[in-house]
């Protein structure tokens, strides 16, 4: 995410970090609900759950705006970057959920978290930001971690799931870069609105091509709706966290989400990665947390 130097009072910053931590818990819960839905006797497709996720979020934005008579305000300045943010984010979400169902909530979360690495790598070309040698070393370390997750001996399902996770991270990075452009003249609610609106439209096009099946049974609906509500609540908490606390700290705390997702996967489903995968996850975590601090150090005068 873009680095911000604005800070508030210490209690305000602490509240922002706590909100981000709670958002991470909810994101991890969402991921594990997506995985649980894939283990039912009649599994729920990842695309269906991601559709529920963005639909719940869209309703949470539209209803208050309609009550307040400010529906037009959600559309912002209609610039192309907003629509692209929605497209990249929507496809990224669908791929992320598909990756979770194929390889589990732990490793998939770390591969999707590579978005921060891609943002740093693409920054010099998209945002005209200069990277230092330390930045490139951190990026290389994270890439090495991703390579370790593509260890030899993977079957087709595992390999496809990992490719989906990396592609999800890359598209999420493109979405964040669009936020860096569109966010300068549009409020956070508008940016999230476009993510939900375009994602819903993309899902409808996908269903027209691939078909659509409602979740079958009470547990299928329970996992799908819980994933949607948890993800939508986490999105709102994340947005508020970035408003209250310095972006560098919020971004670092955000890397607790894949850790929590992996721990929940181990506790609930016995999905324990092997030692090579754990080293890879550790490299992605360490380098991902380091990058925003390196960026602030580079931008600091003197």
C-alpha atoms as a PDB file:
ATOM      1  CA  UNK A   1       0.000   0.000   0.000  1.00  0.00           C
ATOM      2  CA  UNK A   2       1.175   3.586  -0.531  1.00  0.00           C
ATOM      3  CA  UNK A   3       3.309   5.001   2.252  1.00  0.00           C
ATOM      4  CA  UNK A   4       1.892   7.877   4.246  1.00  0.00           C
ATOM      5  CA  UNK A   5       3.697  10.119   6.700  1.00  0.00           C
ATOM      6  CA  UNK A   6       0.598  11.480   8.340  1.00  0.00           C
ATOM      7  CA  UNK A   7       0.232  10.451  11.950  1.00  0.00           C
ATOM      8  CA  UNK A   8      -2.311  11.165  14.626  1.00  0.00           C
ATOM      9  CA  UNK A   9      -2.219  11.053  18.426  1.00  0.00           C
ATOM     10  CA  UNK A  10      -0.795   7.963  20.069  1.00  0.00           C
ATOM     11  CA  UNK A  11      -4.190   6.704  21.333  1.00  0.00           C
ATOM     12  CA  UNK A  12      -5.583   7.220  17.850  1.00  0.00           C
ATOM     13  CA  UNK A  13      -2.688   5.338  16.264  1.00  0.00           C
ATOM     14  CA  UNK A  14      -3.029   2.508  18.791  1.00  0.00           C
ATOM     15  CA  UNK A  15      -6.725   2.252  17.964  1.00  0.00           C
ATOM     16  CA  UNK A  16      -5.904   2.095  14.258  1.00  0.00           C
ATOM     17  CA  UNK A  17      -3.425  -0.736  14.790  1.00  0.00           C
ATOM     18  CA  UNK A  18      -5.925  -2.648  16.921  1.00  0.00           C
ATOM     19  CA  UNK A  19      -8.523  -2.259  14.180  1.00  0.00           C
ATOM     20  CA  UNK A  20      -6.020  -3.603  11.648  1.00  0.00           C
ATOM     21  CA  UNK A  21      -5.258  -6.553  13.914  1.00  0.00           C
ATOM     22  CA  UNK A  22      -8.973  -7.305  14.185  1.00  0.00           C
ATOM     23  CA  UNK A  23      -9.244  -6.996  10.391  1.00  0.00           C
ATOM     24  CA  UNK A  24      -6.491  -9.595  10.060  1.00  0.00           C
ATOM     25  CA  UNK A  25      -8.406 -11.988  12.327  1.00  0.00           C
ATOM     26  CA  UNK A  26     -11.489 -11.540  10.160  1.00  0.00           C
ATOM     27  CA  UNK A  27      -9.525 -11.989   6.920  1.00  0.00           C
ATOM     28  CA  UNK A  28      -8.075 -15.213   8.333  1.00  0.00           C
ATOM     29  CA  UNK A  29     -11.561 -16.353   9.375  1.00  0.00           C
ATOM     30  CA  UNK A  30     -12.800 -15.586   5.859  1.00  0.00           C
ATOM     31  CA  UNK A  31     -10.049 -17.698   4.286  1.00  0.00           C
ATOM     32  CA  UNK A  32     -10.759 -20.662   6.537  1.00  0.00           C
ATOM     33  CA  UNK A  33     -14.493 -20.437   5.854  1.00  0.00           C
ATOM     34  CA  UNK A  34     -13.720 -20.543   2.123  1.00  0.00           C
ATOM     35  CA  UNK A  35     -11.641 -23.667   2.703  1.00  0.00           C
ATOM     36  CA  UNK A  36     -14.300 -25.256   4.922  1.00  0.00           C
ATOM     37  CA  UNK A  37     -16.885 -24.751   2.167  1.00  0.00           C
ATOM     38  CA  UNK A  38     -14.670 -26.740  -0.216  1.00  0.00           C
ATOM     39  CA  UNK A  39     -14.604 -29.738   2.147  1.00  0.00           C
ATOM     40  CA  UNK A  40     -18.367 -30.252   2.274  1.00  0.00           C
ATOM     41  CA  UNK A  41     -20.020 -33.252   0.649  1.00  0.00           C
ATOM     42  CA  UNK A  42     -21.257 -30.825  -2.016  1.00  0.00           C
ATOM     43  CA  UNK A  43     -18.484 -28.191  -2.183  1.00  0.00           C
ATOM     44  CA  UNK A  44     -19.251 -24.535  -2.799  1.00  0.00           C
ATOM     45  CA  UNK A  45     -17.345 -23.116  -5.766  1.00  0.00           C
ATOM     46  CA  UNK A  46     -14.774 -20.422  -4.977  1.00  0.00           C
ATOM     47  CA  UNK A  47     -16.426 -18.073  -7.468  1.00  0.00           C
ATOM     48  CA  UNK A  48     -19.771 -18.379  -5.660  1.00  0.00           C
ATOM     49  CA  UNK A  49     -18.232 -17.504  -2.283  1.00  0.00           C
ATOM     50  CA  UNK A  50     -16.294 -14.568  -3.736  1.00  0.00           C
ATOM     51  CA  UNK A  51     -19.557 -13.366  -5.303  1.00  0.00           C
ATOM     52  CA  UNK A  52     -21.256 -13.533  -1.897  1.00  0.00           C
ATOM     53  CA  UNK A  53     -18.282 -11.667  -0.398  1.00  0.00           C
ATOM     54  CA  UNK A  54     -18.432  -8.698  -2.783  1.00  0.00           C
ATOM     55  CA  UNK A  55     -22.248  -8.646  -2.810  1.00  0.00           C
ATOM     56  CA  UNK A  56     -22.393  -8.300   0.974  1.00  0.00           C
ATOM     57  CA  UNK A  57     -19.785  -5.534   0.838  1.00  0.00           C
ATOM     58  CA  UNK A  58     -21.634  -3.741  -1.970  1.00  0.00           C
ATOM     59  CA  UNK A  59     -24.911  -3.855  -0.031  1.00  0.00           C
ATOM     60  CA  UNK A  60     -23.141  -2.448   3.053  1.00  0.00           C
ATOM     61  CA  UNK A  61     -22.068   0.548   0.969  1.00  0.00           C
ATOM     62  CA  UNK A  62     -25.217   1.075  -1.083  1.00  0.00           C
ATOM     63  CA  UNK A  63     -27.834   0.951   1.671  1.00  0.00           C
ATOM     64  CA  UNK A  64     -26.438   3.791   3.848  1.00  0.00           C
ATOM     65  CA  UNK A  65     -25.774   5.893   0.726  1.00  0.00           C
ATOM     66  CA  UNK A  66     -29.351   5.391  -0.483  1.00  0.00           C
ATOM     67  CA  UNK A  67     -30.783   6.255   2.929  1.00  0.00           C
ATOM     68  CA  UNK A  68     -28.652   9.406   3.036  1.00  0.00           C
ATOM     69  CA  UNK A  69     -29.567  10.287  -0.547  1.00  0.00           C
ATOM     70  CA  UNK A  70     -25.896  10.336  -1.539  1.00  0.00           C
ATOM     71  CA  UNK A  71     -25.716   7.487  -4.042  1.00  0.00           C
ATOM     72  CA  UNK A  72     -24.010   9.682  -6.632  1.00  0.00           C
ATOM     73  CA  UNK A  73     -21.229  10.455  -4.156  1.00  0.00           C
ATOM     74  CA  UNK A  74     -20.061   6.827  -4.226  1.00  0.00           C
ATOM     75  CA  UNK A  75     -19.118   7.135  -7.904  1.00  0.00           C
ATOM     76  CA  UNK A  76     -16.443   9.765  -7.300  1.00  0.00           C
ATOM     77  CA  UNK A  77     -14.828  11.305 -10.368  1.00  0.00           C
ATOM     78  CA  UNK A  78     -15.417   8.198 -12.556  1.00  0.00           C
ATOM     79  CA  UNK A  79     -11.763   8.041 -13.598  1.00  0.00           C
ATOM     80  CA  UNK A  80     -10.440   4.947 -15.357  1.00  0.00           C
ATOM     81  CA  UNK A  81      -8.169   4.011 -12.433  1.00  0.00           C
ATOM     82  CA  UNK A  82     -11.256   3.381 -10.274  1.00  0.00           C
ATOM     83  CA  UNK A  83     -12.723   0.923 -12.773  1.00  0.00           C
ATOM     84  CA  UNK A  84      -9.369  -0.816 -13.210  1.00  0.00           C
ATOM     85  CA  UNK A  85      -8.992  -1.053  -9.435  1.00  0.00           C
ATOM     86  CA  UNK A  86     -12.321  -2.853  -9.349  1.00  0.00           C
ATOM     87  CA  UNK A  87     -11.429  -5.196 -12.198  1.00  0.00           C
ATOM     88  CA  UNK A  88      -7.989  -6.143 -10.853  1.00  0.00           C
ATOM     89  CA  UNK A  89      -9.328  -6.490  -7.308  1.00  0.00           C
ATOM     90  CA  UNK A  90     -12.312  -8.588  -8.317  1.00  0.00           C
ATOM     91  CA  UNK A  91     -10.290 -11.072 -10.373  1.00  0.00           C
ATOM     92  CA  UNK A  92      -7.672 -11.190  -7.617  1.00  0.00           C
ATOM     93  CA  UNK A  93     -10.329 -12.082  -5.033  1.00  0.00           C
ATOM     94  CA  UNK A  94     -11.737 -14.905  -7.163  1.00  0.00           C
ATOM     95  CA  UNK A  95      -8.261 -16.335  -7.777  1.00  0.00           C
ATOM     96  CA  UNK A  96      -7.399 -16.024  -4.085  1.00  0.00           C
ATOM     97  CA  UNK A  97     -10.461 -18.049  -3.065  1.00  0.00           C
ATOM     98  CA  UNK A  98      -9.724 -20.660  -5.742  1.00  0.00           C
ATOM     99  CA  UNK A  99      -6.146 -20.934  -4.454  1.00  0.00           C
ATOM    100  CA  UNK A 100      -7.398 -21.407  -0.876  1.00  0.00           C
ATOM    101  CA  UNK A 101      -9.649 -24.275  -1.931  1.00  0.00           C
ATOM    102  CA  UNK A 102      -6.834 -26.002  -3.815  1.00  0.00           C
ATOM    103  CA  UNK A 103      -3.856 -25.683  -1.430  1.00  0.00           C
ATOM    104  CA  UNK A 104      -5.357 -24.631   1.908  1.00  0.00           C
ATOM    105  CA  UNK A 105      -5.689 -21.339   3.817  1.00  0.00           C
ATOM    106  CA  UNK A 106      -2.059 -21.132   4.967  1.00  0.00           C
ATOM    107  CA  UNK A 107       0.289 -21.214   1.992  1.00  0.00           C
ATOM    108  CA  UNK A 108      -2.269 -19.539  -0.260  1.00  0.00           C
ATOM    109  CA  UNK A 109      -2.461 -16.584   2.140  1.00  0.00           C
ATOM    110  CA  UNK A 110       1.298 -16.033   1.946  1.00  0.00           C
ATOM    111  CA  UNK A 111       1.307 -16.251  -1.851  1.00  0.00           C
ATOM    112  CA  UNK A 112      -1.531 -13.734  -2.048  1.00  0.00           C
ATOM    113  CA  UNK A 113       0.349 -11.520   0.427  1.00  0.00           C
ATOM    114  CA  UNK A 114       3.051 -11.191  -2.242  1.00  0.00           C
ATOM    115  CA  UNK A 115       1.005  -8.211  -3.476  1.00  0.00           C
ATOM    116  CA  UNK A 116       3.155  -5.906  -1.348  1.00  0.00           C
ATOM    117  CA  UNK A 117       6.265  -7.298  -3.019  1.00  0.00           C
ATOM    118  CA  UNK A 118       4.817  -6.718  -6.480  1.00  0.00           C
ATOM    119  CA  UNK A 119       3.838  -3.151  -5.532  1.00  0.00           C
ATOM    120  CA  UNK A 120       7.448  -2.436  -4.549  1.00  0.00           C
ATOM    121  CA  UNK A 121       8.806  -4.104  -7.701  1.00  0.00           C
ATOM    122  CA  UNK A 122       6.423  -2.251 -10.039  1.00  0.00           C
ATOM    123  CA  UNK A 123       6.659   1.096  -8.240  1.00  0.00           C
ATOM    124  CA  UNK A 124       9.595   2.459 -10.295  1.00  0.00           C
ATOM    125  CA  UNK A 125       7.661   1.971 -13.551  1.00  0.00           C
ATOM    126  CA  UNK A 126       4.083   2.734 -12.499  1.00  0.00           C
ATOM    127  CA  UNK A 127       4.568   5.423  -9.833  1.00  0.00           C
ATOM    128  CA  UNK A 128       8.043   6.699 -10.805  1.00  0.00           C
ATOM    129  CA  UNK A 129       9.377   5.717  -7.378  1.00  0.00           C
ATOM    130  CA  UNK A 130      13.037   4.827  -6.981  1.00  0.00           C
ATOM    131  CA  UNK A 131      14.028   1.630  -5.182  1.00  0.00           C
ATOM    132  CA  UNK A 132      17.253   1.353  -3.219  1.00  0.00           C
ATOM    133  CA  UNK A 133      19.546  -1.661  -3.202  1.00  0.00           C
ATOM    134  CA  UNK A 134      18.000  -2.702   0.136  1.00  0.00           C
ATOM    135  CA  UNK A 135      14.556  -2.601  -1.459  1.00  0.00           C
ATOM    136  CA  UNK A 136      15.647  -4.883  -4.291  1.00  0.00           C
ATOM    137  CA  UNK A 137      17.314  -7.273  -1.838  1.00  0.00           C
ATOM    138  CA  UNK A 138      14.070  -7.499   0.148  1.00  0.00           C
ATOM    139  CA  UNK A 139      12.122  -8.081  -3.074  1.00  0.00           C
ATOM    140  CA  UNK A 140      14.597 -10.806  -4.077  1.00  0.00           C
ATOM    141  CA  UNK A 141      14.246 -12.435  -0.650  1.00  0.00           C
ATOM    142  CA  UNK A 142      10.460 -12.534  -0.978  1.00  0.00           C
ATOM    143  CA  UNK A 143      10.708 -13.970  -4.497  1.00  0.00           C
ATOM    144  CA  UNK A 144      13.015 -16.667  -3.110  1.00  0.00           C
ATOM    145  CA  UNK A 145      10.313 -17.449  -0.556  1.00  0.00           C
ATOM    146  CA  UNK A 146       7.735 -17.822  -3.318  1.00  0.00           C
ATOM    147  CA  UNK A 147      10.067 -20.118  -5.242  1.00  0.00           C
ATOM    148  CA  UNK A 148      10.370 -22.365  -2.174  1.00  0.00           C
ATOM    149  CA  UNK A 149       6.588 -22.717  -2.147  1.00  0.00           C
ATOM    150  CA  UNK A 150       6.844 -24.092  -5.704  1.00  0.00           C
ATOM    151  CA  UNK A 151       8.928 -27.023  -4.502  1.00  0.00           C
ATOM    152  CA  UNK A 152       9.494 -30.112  -6.707  1.00  0.00           C
ATOM    153  CA  UNK A 153       7.006 -32.975  -6.602  1.00  0.00           C
ATOM    154  CA  UNK A 154       3.823 -30.890  -6.635  1.00  0.00           C
ATOM    155  CA  UNK A 155       0.839 -32.434  -8.392  1.00  0.00           C
ATOM    156  CA  UNK A 156      -1.243 -30.499 -10.915  1.00  0.00           C
ATOM    157  CA  UNK A 157      -3.778 -29.317  -8.310  1.00  0.00           C
ATOM    158  CA  UNK A 158      -1.083 -27.964  -5.979  1.00  0.00           C
ATOM    159  CA  UNK A 159       0.813 -26.273  -8.810  1.00  0.00           C
ATOM    160  CA  UNK A 160      -2.312 -24.636 -10.222  1.00  0.00           C
ATOM    161  CA  UNK A 161      -3.344 -23.470  -6.755  1.00  0.00           C
ATOM    162  CA  UNK A 162       0.034 -21.854  -6.175  1.00  0.00           C
ATOM    163  CA  UNK A 163       0.005 -20.171  -9.580  1.00  0.00           C
ATOM    164  CA  UNK A 164      -3.445 -18.813  -8.758  1.00  0.00           C
ATOM    165  CA  UNK A 165      -2.130 -17.441  -5.452  1.00  0.00           C
ATOM    166  CA  UNK A 166       0.788 -15.643  -7.102  1.00  0.00           C
ATOM    167  CA  UNK A 167      -1.419 -14.254  -9.887  1.00  0.00           C
ATOM    168  CA  UNK A 168      -3.892 -13.085  -7.241  1.00  0.00           C
ATOM    169  CA  UNK A 169      -1.068 -11.243  -5.480  1.00  0.00           C
ATOM    170  CA  UNK A 170       0.083  -9.657  -8.738  1.00  0.00           C
ATOM    171  CA  UNK A 171      -3.421  -8.445  -9.643  1.00  0.00           C
ATOM    172  CA  UNK A 172      -3.944  -7.166  -6.095  1.00  0.00           C
ATOM    173  CA  UNK A 173      -0.726  -5.164  -6.528  1.00  0.00           C
ATOM    174  CA  UNK A 174      -2.089  -3.628  -9.722  1.00  0.00           C
ATOM    175  CA  UNK A 175      -5.283  -2.775  -7.810  1.00  0.00           C
ATOM    176  CA  UNK A 176      -3.241  -1.062  -5.060  1.00  0.00           C
ATOM    177  CA  UNK A 177      -1.316   0.915  -7.667  1.00  0.00           C
ATOM    178  CA  UNK A 178      -4.628   2.069  -9.125  1.00  0.00           C
ATOM    179  CA  UNK A 179      -5.657   3.132  -5.600  1.00  0.00           C
ATOM    180  CA  UNK A 180      -2.469   5.196  -5.391  1.00  0.00           C
ATOM    181  CA  UNK A 181      -3.668   7.089  -8.455  1.00  0.00           C
ATOM    182  CA  UNK A 182      -7.415   7.256  -7.866  1.00  0.00           C
ATOM    183  CA  UNK A 183      -7.183   7.686  -4.091  1.00  0.00           C
ATOM    184  CA  UNK A 184      -5.699  11.164  -4.412  1.00  0.00           C
ATOM    185  CA  UNK A 185      -9.049  12.598  -5.527  1.00  0.00           C
ATOM    186  CA  UNK A 186     -11.563  10.032  -4.197  1.00  0.00           C
ATOM    187  CA  UNK A 187     -12.516   9.004  -0.622  1.00  0.00           C
ATOM    188  CA  UNK A 188     -11.889   5.440   0.611  1.00  0.00           C
ATOM    189  CA  UNK A 189     -15.595   4.527   0.355  1.00  0.00           C
ATOM    190  CA  UNK A 190     -15.535   5.299  -3.369  1.00  0.00           C
ATOM    191  CA  UNK A 191     -12.470   3.134  -3.946  1.00  0.00           C
ATOM    192  CA  UNK A 192     -14.067   0.196  -2.097  1.00  0.00           C
ATOM    193  CA  UNK A 193     -17.360   0.788  -3.951  1.00  0.00           C
ATOM    194  CA  UNK A 194     -15.700   0.351  -7.329  1.00  0.00           C
ATOM    195  CA  UNK A 195     -14.007  -2.823  -6.124  1.00  0.00           C
ATOM    196  CA  UNK A 196     -17.388  -4.286  -5.171  1.00  0.00           C
ATOM    197  CA  UNK A 197     -19.362  -2.967  -8.155  1.00  0.00           C
ATOM    198  CA  UNK A 198     -16.934  -4.093 -10.862  1.00  0.00           C
ATOM    199  CA  UNK A 199     -16.290  -7.383  -9.054  1.00  0.00           C
ATOM    200  CA  UNK A 200     -20.034  -8.149  -8.976  1.00  0.00           C
ATOM    201  CA  UNK A 201     -20.302  -7.376 -12.706  1.00  0.00           C
ATOM    202  CA  UNK A 202     -17.261  -9.544 -13.463  1.00  0.00           C
ATOM    203  CA  UNK A 203     -18.744 -12.430 -11.482  1.00  0.00           C
ATOM    204  CA  UNK A 204     -22.017 -12.169 -13.408  1.00  0.00           C
ATOM    205  CA  UNK A 205     -20.117 -12.378 -16.697  1.00  0.00           C
ATOM    206  CA  UNK A 206     -18.179 -15.369 -15.338  1.00  0.00           C
ATOM    207  CA  UNK A 207     -21.376 -17.147 -14.282  1.00  0.00           C
ATOM    208  CA  UNK A 208     -22.956 -16.512 -17.692  1.00  0.00           C
ATOM    209  CA  UNK A 209     -20.031 -18.395 -19.217  1.00  0.00           C
ATOM    210  CA  UNK A 210     -19.340 -21.113 -16.608  1.00  0.00           C
ATOM    211  CA  UNK A 211     -22.728 -21.581 -14.950  1.00  0.00           C
ATOM    212  CA  UNK A 212     -23.909 -20.883 -11.412  1.00  0.00           C
ATOM    213  CA  UNK A 213     -25.032 -23.141  -8.559  1.00  0.00           C
ATOM    214  CA  UNK A 214     -26.321 -21.860  -5.216  1.00  0.00           C
ATOM    215  CA  UNK A 215     -24.746 -23.279  -2.038  1.00  0.00           C
ATOM    216  CA  UNK A 216     -26.518 -26.555  -1.201  1.00  0.00           C
ATOM    217  CA  UNK A 217     -27.562 -26.947   2.420  1.00  0.00           C
ATOM    218  CA  UNK A 218     -27.342 -25.039   5.672  1.00  0.00           C
ATOM    219  CA  UNK A 219     -23.622 -25.478   6.274  1.00  0.00           C
ATOM    220  CA  UNK A 220     -22.796 -24.360   2.734  1.00  0.00           C
ATOM    221  CA  UNK A 221     -24.730 -21.139   3.292  1.00  0.00           C
ATOM    222  CA  UNK A 222     -23.217 -20.727   6.757  1.00  0.00           C
ATOM    223  CA  UNK A 223     -19.631 -20.907   5.488  1.00  0.00           C
ATOM    224  CA  UNK A 224     -20.386 -18.724   2.446  1.00  0.00           C
ATOM    225  CA  UNK A 225     -22.198 -15.986   4.381  1.00  0.00           C
ATOM    226  CA  UNK A 226     -19.673 -16.022   7.224  1.00  0.00           C
ATOM    227  CA  UNK A 227     -16.859 -15.597   4.697  1.00  0.00           C
ATOM    228  CA  UNK A 228     -18.732 -12.725   3.052  1.00  0.00           C
ATOM    229  CA  UNK A 229     -19.576 -10.928   6.291  1.00  0.00           C
ATOM    230  CA  UNK A 230     -16.090 -11.436   7.778  1.00  0.00           C
ATOM    231  CA  UNK A 231     -14.379 -10.200   4.615  1.00  0.00           C
ATOM    232  CA  UNK A 232     -16.642  -7.161   4.308  1.00  0.00           C
ATOM    233  CA  UNK A 233     -16.174  -6.215   7.974  1.00  0.00           C
ATOM    234  CA  UNK A 234     -12.418  -6.673   7.619  1.00  0.00           C
ATOM    235  CA  UNK A 235     -12.404  -4.359   4.581  1.00  0.00           C
ATOM    236  CA  UNK A 236     -14.141  -1.611   6.552  1.00  0.00           C
ATOM    237  CA  UNK A 237     -11.805  -2.031   9.538  1.00  0.00           C
ATOM    238  CA  UNK A 238      -8.748  -1.962   7.259  1.00  0.00           C
ATOM    239  CA  UNK A 239      -9.917   1.283   5.637  1.00  0.00           C
ATOM    240  CA  UNK A 240     -10.478   2.888   9.029  1.00  0.00           C
ATOM    241  CA  UNK A 241      -7.101   1.652  10.290  1.00  0.00           C
ATOM    242  CA  UNK A 242      -5.288   3.431   7.472  1.00  0.00           C
ATOM    243  CA  UNK A 243      -7.154   6.614   8.393  1.00  0.00           C
ATOM    244  CA  UNK A 244      -6.097   6.457  12.056  1.00  0.00           C
ATOM    245  CA  UNK A 245      -2.526   5.121  12.066  1.00  0.00           C
ATOM    246  CA  UNK A 246       0.614   5.560   9.938  1.00  0.00           C
ATOM    247  CA  UNK A 247       0.436   3.425   6.798  1.00  0.00           C
ATOM    248  CA  UNK A 248       3.867   1.910   7.467  1.00  0.00           C
ATOM    249  CA  UNK A 249       2.707   0.417  10.784  1.00  0.00           C
ATOM    250  CA  UNK A 250      -0.691  -0.647   9.480  1.00  0.00           C
ATOM    251  CA  UNK A 251       0.988  -2.377   6.522  1.00  0.00           C
ATOM    252  CA  UNK A 252       3.366  -4.233   8.845  1.00  0.00           C
ATOM    253  CA  UNK A 253       0.534  -5.357  11.136  1.00  0.00           C
ATOM    254  CA  UNK A 254      -1.337  -6.517   8.025  1.00  0.00           C
ATOM    255  CA  UNK A 255       1.173  -9.306   7.531  1.00  0.00           C
ATOM    256  CA  UNK A 256      -0.244 -10.994  10.613  1.00  0.00           C
ATOM    257  CA  UNK A 257      -3.253 -12.016   8.458  1.00  0.00           C
ATOM    258  CA  UNK A 258      -1.461 -14.846   6.584  1.00  0.00           C
ATOM    259  CA  UNK A 259       0.106 -15.992   9.855  1.00  0.00           C
ATOM    260  CA  UNK A 260      -3.320 -16.180  11.504  1.00  0.00           C
ATOM    261  CA  UNK A 261      -4.779 -17.883   8.445  1.00  0.00           C
ATOM    262  CA  UNK A 262      -2.066 -20.552   8.585  1.00  0.00           C
ATOM    263  CA  UNK A 263      -2.521 -21.070  12.336  1.00  0.00           C
ATOM    264  CA  UNK A 264      -6.289 -21.445  11.921  1.00  0.00           C
ATOM    265  CA  UNK A 265      -5.708 -23.915   9.092  1.00  0.00           C
ATOM    266  CA  UNK A 266      -3.444 -25.987  11.319  1.00  0.00           C
ATOM    267  CA  UNK A 267      -5.850 -25.846  14.266  1.00  0.00           C
ATOM    268  CA  UNK A 268      -9.099 -26.528  12.379  1.00  0.00           C
ATOM    269  CA  UNK A 269      -8.026 -28.698   9.449  1.00  0.00           C
ATOM    270  CA  UNK A 270      -4.567 -30.074  10.287  1.00  0.00           C
ATOM    271  CA  UNK A 271      -3.126 -28.284   7.234  1.00  0.00           C
ATOM    272  CA  UNK A 272       0.507 -28.097   8.375  1.00  0.00           C
ATOM    273  CA  UNK A 273       3.033 -26.968   5.711  1.00  0.00           C
ATOM    274  CA  UNK A 274       6.323 -28.834   5.457  1.00  0.00           C
ATOM    275  CA  UNK A 275       9.639 -27.273   6.505  1.00  0.00           C
ATOM    276  CA  UNK A 276      10.473 -25.968   3.015  1.00  0.00           C
ATOM    277  CA  UNK A 277       7.114 -24.228   2.739  1.00  0.00           C
ATOM    278  CA  UNK A 278       7.504 -22.737   6.221  1.00  0.00           C
ATOM    279  CA  UNK A 279      10.894 -21.266   5.264  1.00  0.00           C
ATOM    280  CA  UNK A 280       9.320 -19.809   2.127  1.00  0.00           C
ATOM    281  CA  UNK A 281       6.470 -18.293   4.135  1.00  0.00           C
ATOM    282  CA  UNK A 282       8.982 -16.878   6.618  1.00  0.00           C
ATOM    283  CA  UNK A 283      10.946 -15.167   3.845  1.00  0.00           C
ATOM    284  CA  UNK A 284       7.795 -13.610   2.370  1.00  0.00           C
ATOM    285  CA  UNK A 285       6.744 -12.433   5.830  1.00  0.00           C
ATOM    286  CA  UNK A 286      10.102 -10.950   6.822  1.00  0.00           C
ATOM    287  CA  UNK A 287      10.746  -9.218   3.507  1.00  0.00           C
ATOM    288  CA  UNK A 288       7.164  -8.012   3.179  1.00  0.00           C
ATOM    289  CA  UNK A 289       7.257  -6.390   6.626  1.00  0.00           C
ATOM    290  CA  UNK A 290      10.679  -4.842   5.916  1.00  0.00           C
ATOM    291  CA  UNK A 291       9.734  -3.149   2.640  1.00  0.00           C
ATOM    292  CA  UNK A 292       7.533  -0.306   3.973  1.00  0.00           C
ATOM    293  CA  UNK A 293      10.131   0.533   6.626  1.00  0.00           C
ATOM    294  CA  UNK A 294      12.832   0.637   3.951  1.00  0.00           C
ATOM    295  CA  UNK A 295      10.646   2.941   1.871  1.00  0.00           C
ATOM    296  CA  UNK A 296      10.179   5.368   4.768  1.00  0.00           C
ATOM    297  CA  UNK A 297      13.914   5.325   5.472  1.00  0.00           C
ATOM    298  CA  UNK A 298      14.591   6.118   1.817  1.00  0.00           C
ATOM    299  CA  UNK A 299      12.116   9.034   1.807  1.00  0.00           C
ATOM    300  CA  UNK A 300      13.321  10.499   5.095  1.00  0.00           C
ATOM    301  CA  UNK A 301      15.301  13.779   4.582  1.00  0.00           C
ATOM    302  CA  UNK A 302      19.038  13.557   5.188  1.00  0.00           C
END
